[in-house]
């Protein structure tokens, strides 16, 4: 082996060591093990796959958040409508006692019932993100509309919106207006309007309205139970999604981030080896005039 070949071999070893030192210095400075795909092709593939899973889980979390908001709004609206309809029932009981009220008293009760009906209509058209909570998959802005003569009809769709909140689960985000308030021609608004009319023109018919009111109140309670079950299931999914995000973040960190103790130890060893190689080469490879003449 010639003096020149020894020098070339030493130089290649020193350069390789220098490249390793530079790589370790970059990792130590950034805290990231994968600064380019060539650092670890398999690690890069794992990181890209994990980042995709994290992004997908993030969309599931966003869907779950919107579904939770919609279900919470539906629950609050159903509770308010139940309270208002219960107040209508109280006015019916009061009006059925025909011996204690004058015509003006019946009119006052009728006006209260009218106002409560408007309040129920407002709750039935409650919105989240510009869409009616009880309108199904409608693209319109209202679930119920008041037409000629004040008759209120359902203007939404009968299918309930669904969102995917995990790789294996889809959650319905509410209930339709007809399931909570009854079908057109026999809905809560028709009943309230009939009660207001009875108060004004036929108080003797009020007693028969109590059974209808109880049925309507039961329907609202049942709808609220359905919403509550879906919201409870969604709470579980939200927790599971949060755990999945934590696991995926840990996996990504194990691939992307350096082991600080290991990296700094290896860097110190590489730098020491590099300096030692430089010193040894300087002592053992003395260039002479003969080397230049070869």
Protein backbone atom coordinates (compact mmCIF):
# COMPACT_ATOMS: atom_id res chain seq x y z
CA UNK A 1 0.00 0.00 0.00
CA UNK A 2 1.50 3.34 -1.06
CA UNK A 3 1.72 6.47 1.01
CA UNK A 4 -0.86 8.12 -1.29
CA UNK A 5 -3.42 5.27 -0.89
CA UNK A 6 -3.06 5.46 2.90
CA UNK A 7 -3.65 9.20 2.76
CA UNK A 8 -6.72 8.77 0.55
CA UNK A 9 -8.14 6.09 2.86
CA UNK A 10 -7.63 8.27 5.92
CA UNK A 11 -9.21 11.22 4.15
CA UNK A 12 -12.29 9.20 3.25
CA UNK A 13 -12.64 8.04 6.85
CA UNK A 14 -12.24 11.59 8.18
CA UNK A 15 -14.84 12.94 5.71
CA UNK A 16 -17.30 10.18 6.63
CA UNK A 17 -16.81 11.01 10.29
CA UNK A 18 -17.28 14.71 9.56
CA UNK A 19 -20.58 13.99 7.74
CA UNK A 20 -21.78 11.95 10.73
CA UNK A 21 -20.83 14.77 13.11
CA UNK A 22 -22.69 17.33 10.97
CA UNK A 23 -25.79 15.12 10.88
CA UNK A 24 -25.76 14.61 14.65
CA UNK A 25 -25.21 18.35 15.22
CA UNK A 26 -28.24 19.14 13.06
CA UNK A 27 -30.36 16.59 14.94
CA UNK A 28 -29.21 17.92 18.30
CA UNK A 29 -29.99 21.51 17.25
CA UNK A 30 -33.44 20.81 15.76
CA UNK A 31 -34.48 18.00 18.07
CA UNK A 32 -35.73 16.13 14.99
CA UNK A 33 -34.29 12.81 13.88
CA UNK A 34 -35.74 12.97 10.35
CA UNK A 35 -34.66 16.16 8.64
CA UNK A 36 -34.80 14.57 5.16
CA UNK A 37 -36.18 11.30 3.78
CA UNK A 38 -32.68 9.88 3.30
CA UNK A 39 -32.11 10.01 7.07
CA UNK A 40 -34.39 6.96 7.37
CA UNK A 41 -36.61 5.86 4.47
CA UNK A 42 -38.59 3.44 6.64
CA UNK A 43 -38.91 6.02 9.42
CA UNK A 44 -40.08 8.60 6.90
CA UNK A 45 -42.76 6.22 5.60
CA UNK A 46 -43.92 5.53 9.16
CA UNK A 47 -43.99 9.25 9.97
CA UNK A 48 -46.02 10.09 6.86
CA UNK A 49 -48.50 7.31 7.62
CA UNK A 50 -48.83 8.42 11.24
CA UNK A 51 -49.30 12.06 10.22
CA UNK A 52 -52.11 10.95 7.88
CA UNK A 53 -53.75 9.03 10.71
CA UNK A 54 -53.46 12.08 12.95
CA UNK A 55 -55.08 14.31 10.31
CA UNK A 56 -57.94 11.84 9.87
CA UNK A 57 -58.43 11.58 13.62
CA UNK A 58 -58.51 15.39 13.74
CA UNK A 59 -61.39 15.41 11.23
CA UNK A 60 -63.22 12.86 13.35
CA UNK A 61 -62.69 15.09 16.39
CA UNK A 62 -64.05 18.13 14.50
CA UNK A 63 -67.11 16.12 13.40
CA UNK A 64 -67.66 14.96 16.97
CA UNK A 65 -67.39 18.53 18.26
CA UNK A 66 -70.01 19.75 15.77
CA UNK A 67 -72.28 16.79 16.54
CA UNK A 68 -71.96 17.47 20.26
CA UNK A 69 -72.88 21.12 19.75
CA UNK A 70 -75.91 20.16 17.64
CA UNK A 71 -77.12 17.54 20.11
CA UNK A 72 -76.66 19.94 23.03
CA UNK A 73 -78.68 22.56 21.17
CA UNK A 74 -81.40 20.01 20.37
CA UNK A 75 -81.55 18.91 24.00
CA UNK A 76 -81.87 22.48 25.25
CA UNK A 77 -84.59 23.25 22.67
CA UNK A 78 -86.58 20.10 23.53
CA UNK A 79 -86.35 20.96 27.22
CA UNK A 80 -87.58 24.50 26.57
CA UNK A 81 -90.46 23.28 24.37
CA UNK A 82 -91.47 20.76 27.03
CA UNK A 83 -91.56 23.53 29.63
CA UNK A 84 -93.60 25.80 27.38
CA UNK A 85 -96.07 23.06 26.49
CA UNK A 86 -96.40 22.24 30.20
CA UNK A 87 -97.34 25.89 30.75
CA UNK A 88 -99.98 25.53 28.01
CA UNK A 89 -101.35 22.56 29.93
CA UNK A 90 -101.52 24.68 33.08
CA UNK A 91 -103.57 27.27 31.19
CA UNK A 92 -105.89 24.53 29.93
CA UNK A 93 -106.48 23.30 33.48
CA UNK A 94 -107.15 26.86 34.56
CA UNK A 95 -109.52 27.51 31.66
CA UNK A 96 -111.39 24.23 32.20
CA UNK A 97 -112.62 25.67 35.49
CA UNK A 98 -115.22 27.67 33.58
CA UNK A 99 -117.02 28.86 36.68
CA UNK A 100 -114.21 31.14 37.80
CA UNK A 101 -113.35 33.03 34.61
CA UNK A 102 -114.98 35.84 32.68
CA UNK A 103 -114.76 36.36 28.92
CA UNK A 104 -111.82 38.71 29.42
CA UNK A 105 -110.11 36.07 31.56
CA UNK A 106 -110.47 33.48 28.80
CA UNK A 107 -109.07 35.96 26.30
CA UNK A 108 -106.07 36.63 28.54
CA UNK A 109 -105.40 32.89 28.74
CA UNK A 110 -105.78 32.56 24.97
CA UNK A 111 -103.21 35.32 24.43
CA UNK A 112 -100.80 33.54 26.77
CA UNK A 113 -101.27 30.30 24.85
CA UNK A 114 -100.66 32.13 21.56
CA UNK A 115 -97.42 33.52 22.97
CA UNK A 116 -96.32 30.12 24.22
CA UNK A 117 -97.01 28.67 20.78
CA UNK A 118 -94.75 31.29 19.23
CA UNK A 119 -92.06 30.39 21.74
CA UNK A 120 -92.33 26.70 20.82
CA UNK A 121 -92.07 27.63 17.13
CA UNK A 122 -88.92 29.65 17.81
CA UNK A 123 -87.32 26.69 19.61
CA UNK A 124 -88.42 24.30 16.85
CA UNK A 125 -86.48 26.46 14.37
CA UNK A 126 -83.33 26.64 16.45
CA UNK A 127 -80.17 26.62 14.33
CA UNK A 128 -76.55 25.51 14.60
CA UNK A 129 -74.21 26.82 11.94
CA UNK A 130 -77.13 28.26 9.96
CA UNK A 131 -78.96 24.93 9.71
CA UNK A 132 -82.14 24.05 11.64
CA UNK A 133 -81.54 21.46 14.35
CA UNK A 134 -84.89 19.75 13.72
CA UNK A 135 -84.92 20.15 9.93
CA UNK A 136 -83.22 16.86 9.06
CA UNK A 137 -80.88 17.16 6.08
CA UNK A 138 -82.70 20.16 4.63
CA UNK A 139 -80.64 22.92 3.07
CA UNK A 140 -83.22 25.49 4.15
CA UNK A 141 -82.97 27.75 7.17
CA UNK A 142 -86.20 26.69 8.93
CA UNK A 143 -87.66 23.39 10.04
CA UNK A 144 -91.22 24.77 10.46
CA UNK A 145 -93.00 27.60 8.71
CA UNK A 146 -96.27 29.38 9.43
CA UNK A 147 -98.46 29.59 6.35
CA UNK A 148 -101.88 31.03 5.59
CA UNK A 149 -104.10 31.28 8.65
CA UNK A 150 -101.13 30.70 10.91
CA UNK A 151 -101.01 26.95 10.17
CA UNK A 152 -97.52 25.66 10.96
CA UNK A 153 -96.09 22.87 8.78
CA UNK A 154 -92.83 20.97 8.64
CA UNK A 155 -90.56 22.18 5.85
CA UNK A 156 -87.52 20.02 6.49
CA UNK A 157 -86.55 16.48 5.52
CA UNK A 158 -87.36 13.30 7.40
CA UNK A 159 -83.83 11.84 7.34
CA UNK A 160 -81.55 12.74 10.24
CA UNK A 161 -78.04 14.10 9.47
CA UNK A 162 -75.15 11.75 10.24
CA UNK A 163 -71.45 12.39 10.76
CA UNK A 164 -68.55 9.95 11.01
CA UNK A 165 -66.80 10.37 14.34
CA UNK A 166 -64.42 7.39 14.21
CA UNK A 167 -63.23 4.81 11.67
CA UNK A 168 -66.07 2.50 12.74
CA UNK A 169 -68.84 4.77 13.99
CA UNK A 170 -71.40 7.19 12.57
CA UNK A 171 -73.57 9.31 14.89
CA UNK A 172 -76.94 10.91 14.10
CA UNK A 173 -76.89 14.54 15.18
CA UNK A 174 -80.47 15.00 16.31
CA UNK A 175 -84.11 14.10 15.71
CA UNK A 176 -86.52 15.33 13.06
CA UNK A 177 -89.16 17.89 13.85
CA UNK A 178 -92.03 15.52 13.10
CA UNK A 179 -90.75 12.87 15.52
CA UNK A 180 -90.54 15.45 18.31
CA UNK A 181 -93.58 17.60 17.53
CA UNK A 182 -95.89 15.37 15.50
CA UNK A 183 -96.90 15.18 11.83
CA UNK A 184 -98.52 18.00 9.87
CA UNK A 185 -102.22 18.27 10.66
CA UNK A 186 -101.73 16.82 14.11
CA UNK A 187 -98.63 18.53 15.43
CA UNK A 188 -98.07 20.55 18.59
CA UNK A 189 -98.77 23.81 16.77
CA UNK A 190 -102.17 22.58 15.61
CA UNK A 191 -102.97 21.53 19.17
CA UNK A 192 -101.90 24.87 20.66
CA UNK A 193 -103.94 26.75 18.04
CA UNK A 194 -106.99 24.59 18.82
CA UNK A 195 -106.58 25.28 22.54
CA UNK A 196 -106.39 29.04 21.98
CA UNK A 197 -109.57 28.79 19.88
CA UNK A 198 -111.33 26.77 22.58
CA UNK A 199 -110.42 29.35 25.19
CA UNK A 200 -112.07 32.02 23.08
CA UNK A 201 -115.10 30.17 21.76
CA UNK A 202 -115.65 26.81 23.49
CA UNK A 203 -114.14 26.49 26.97
CA UNK A 204 -116.14 23.33 27.57
CA UNK A 205 -113.94 21.48 25.09
CA UNK A 206 -110.73 22.17 27.03
CA UNK A 207 -110.87 19.09 29.25
CA UNK A 208 -110.58 16.83 26.22
CA UNK A 209 -107.34 18.58 25.26
CA UNK A 210 -105.49 17.33 28.36
CA UNK A 211 -104.97 13.82 26.97
CA UNK A 212 -103.67 15.28 23.71
CA UNK A 213 -101.27 17.51 25.62
CA UNK A 214 -100.00 14.60 27.69
CA UNK A 215 -99.35 12.65 24.50
CA UNK A 216 -97.45 15.60 23.01
CA UNK A 217 -95.41 16.02 26.19
CA UNK A 218 -94.53 12.32 26.13
CA UNK A 219 -93.39 12.64 22.52
CA UNK A 220 -91.08 15.51 23.47
CA UNK A 221 -89.69 13.52 26.41
CA UNK A 222 -89.06 10.52 24.16
CA UNK A 223 -87.25 12.71 21.64
CA UNK A 224 -85.10 14.15 24.39
CA UNK A 225 -84.23 10.64 25.57
CA UNK A 226 -83.07 9.73 22.05
CA UNK A 227 -80.91 12.85 21.92
CA UNK A 228 -79.49 12.08 25.36
CA UNK A 229 -78.51 8.54 24.38
CA UNK A 230 -76.73 9.81 21.27
CA UNK A 231 -74.97 12.54 23.24
CA UNK A 232 -73.80 10.02 25.84
CA UNK A 233 -72.41 7.75 23.14
CA UNK A 234 -70.69 10.73 21.56
CA UNK A 235 -69.02 11.60 24.89
CA UNK A 236 -67.45 8.14 24.88
CA UNK A 237 -66.28 8.55 21.28
CA UNK A 238 -64.71 11.93 22.10
CA UNK A 239 -62.68 10.34 24.90
CA UNK A 240 -61.57 7.49 22.62
CA UNK A 241 -60.56 9.96 19.89
CA UNK A 242 -58.51 11.94 22.40
CA UNK A 243 -56.74 8.74 23.49
CA UNK A 244 -56.08 7.84 19.84
CA UNK A 245 -54.58 11.28 19.20
CA UNK A 246 -52.32 10.87 22.22
CA UNK A 247 -51.16 7.43 21.04
CA UNK A 248 -50.52 8.62 17.48
CA UNK A 249 -48.66 11.69 18.70
CA UNK A 250 -46.45 9.42 20.81
CA UNK A 251 -45.78 7.18 17.83
CA UNK A 252 -44.89 10.17 15.65
CA UNK A 253 -42.64 11.59 18.33
CA UNK A 254 -40.78 8.29 18.69
CA UNK A 255 -40.05 8.33 14.96
CA UNK A 256 -39.48 12.04 14.36
CA UNK A 257 -37.78 13.24 17.54
CA UNK A 258 -34.32 12.37 18.79
CA UNK A 259 -33.39 10.48 21.94
CA UNK A 260 -31.48 13.39 23.47
CA UNK A 261 -29.24 11.37 25.77
CA UNK A 262 -28.32 8.93 23.01
CA UNK A 263 -27.80 11.68 20.40
CA UNK A 264 -25.57 13.87 22.59
CA UNK A 265 -23.53 10.88 23.70
CA UNK A 266 -23.02 9.72 20.12
CA UNK A 267 -22.19 13.28 19.02
CA UNK A 268 -19.53 13.62 21.71
CA UNK A 269 -18.02 10.27 20.68
CA UNK A 270 -18.04 11.19 16.98
CA UNK A 271 -16.44 14.59 17.63
CA UNK A 272 -13.76 12.98 19.78
CA UNK A 273 -13.10 10.38 17.10
CA UNK A 274 -12.93 13.05 14.41
CA UNK A 275 -10.41 15.13 16.32
CA UNK A 276 -8.38 12.03 17.14
CA UNK A 277 -8.34 10.97 13.48
CA UNK A 278 -7.16 14.41 12.41
CA UNK A 279 -4.38 14.37 14.96
CA UNK A 280 -3.28 10.84 14.06
CA UNK A 281 -3.31 11.57 10.34
CA UNK A 282 -1.23 14.69 10.81
CA UNK A 283 1.41 12.70 12.63
CA UNK A 284 1.53 9.59 10.45
CA UNK A 285 1.13 11.01 6.99
CA UNK A 286 4.07 13.32 6.39
CA UNK A 287 4.08 14.38 2.74
CA UNK A 288 7.53 14.27 1.14
CA UNK A 289 9.02 15.33 -2.23
CA UNK A 290 8.96 11.68 -3.31
CA UNK A 291 5.12 11.65 -2.90
CA UNK A 292 4.79 14.49 -5.36
CA UNK A 293 7.10 12.74 -7.87
CA UNK A 294 5.10 9.47 -7.88
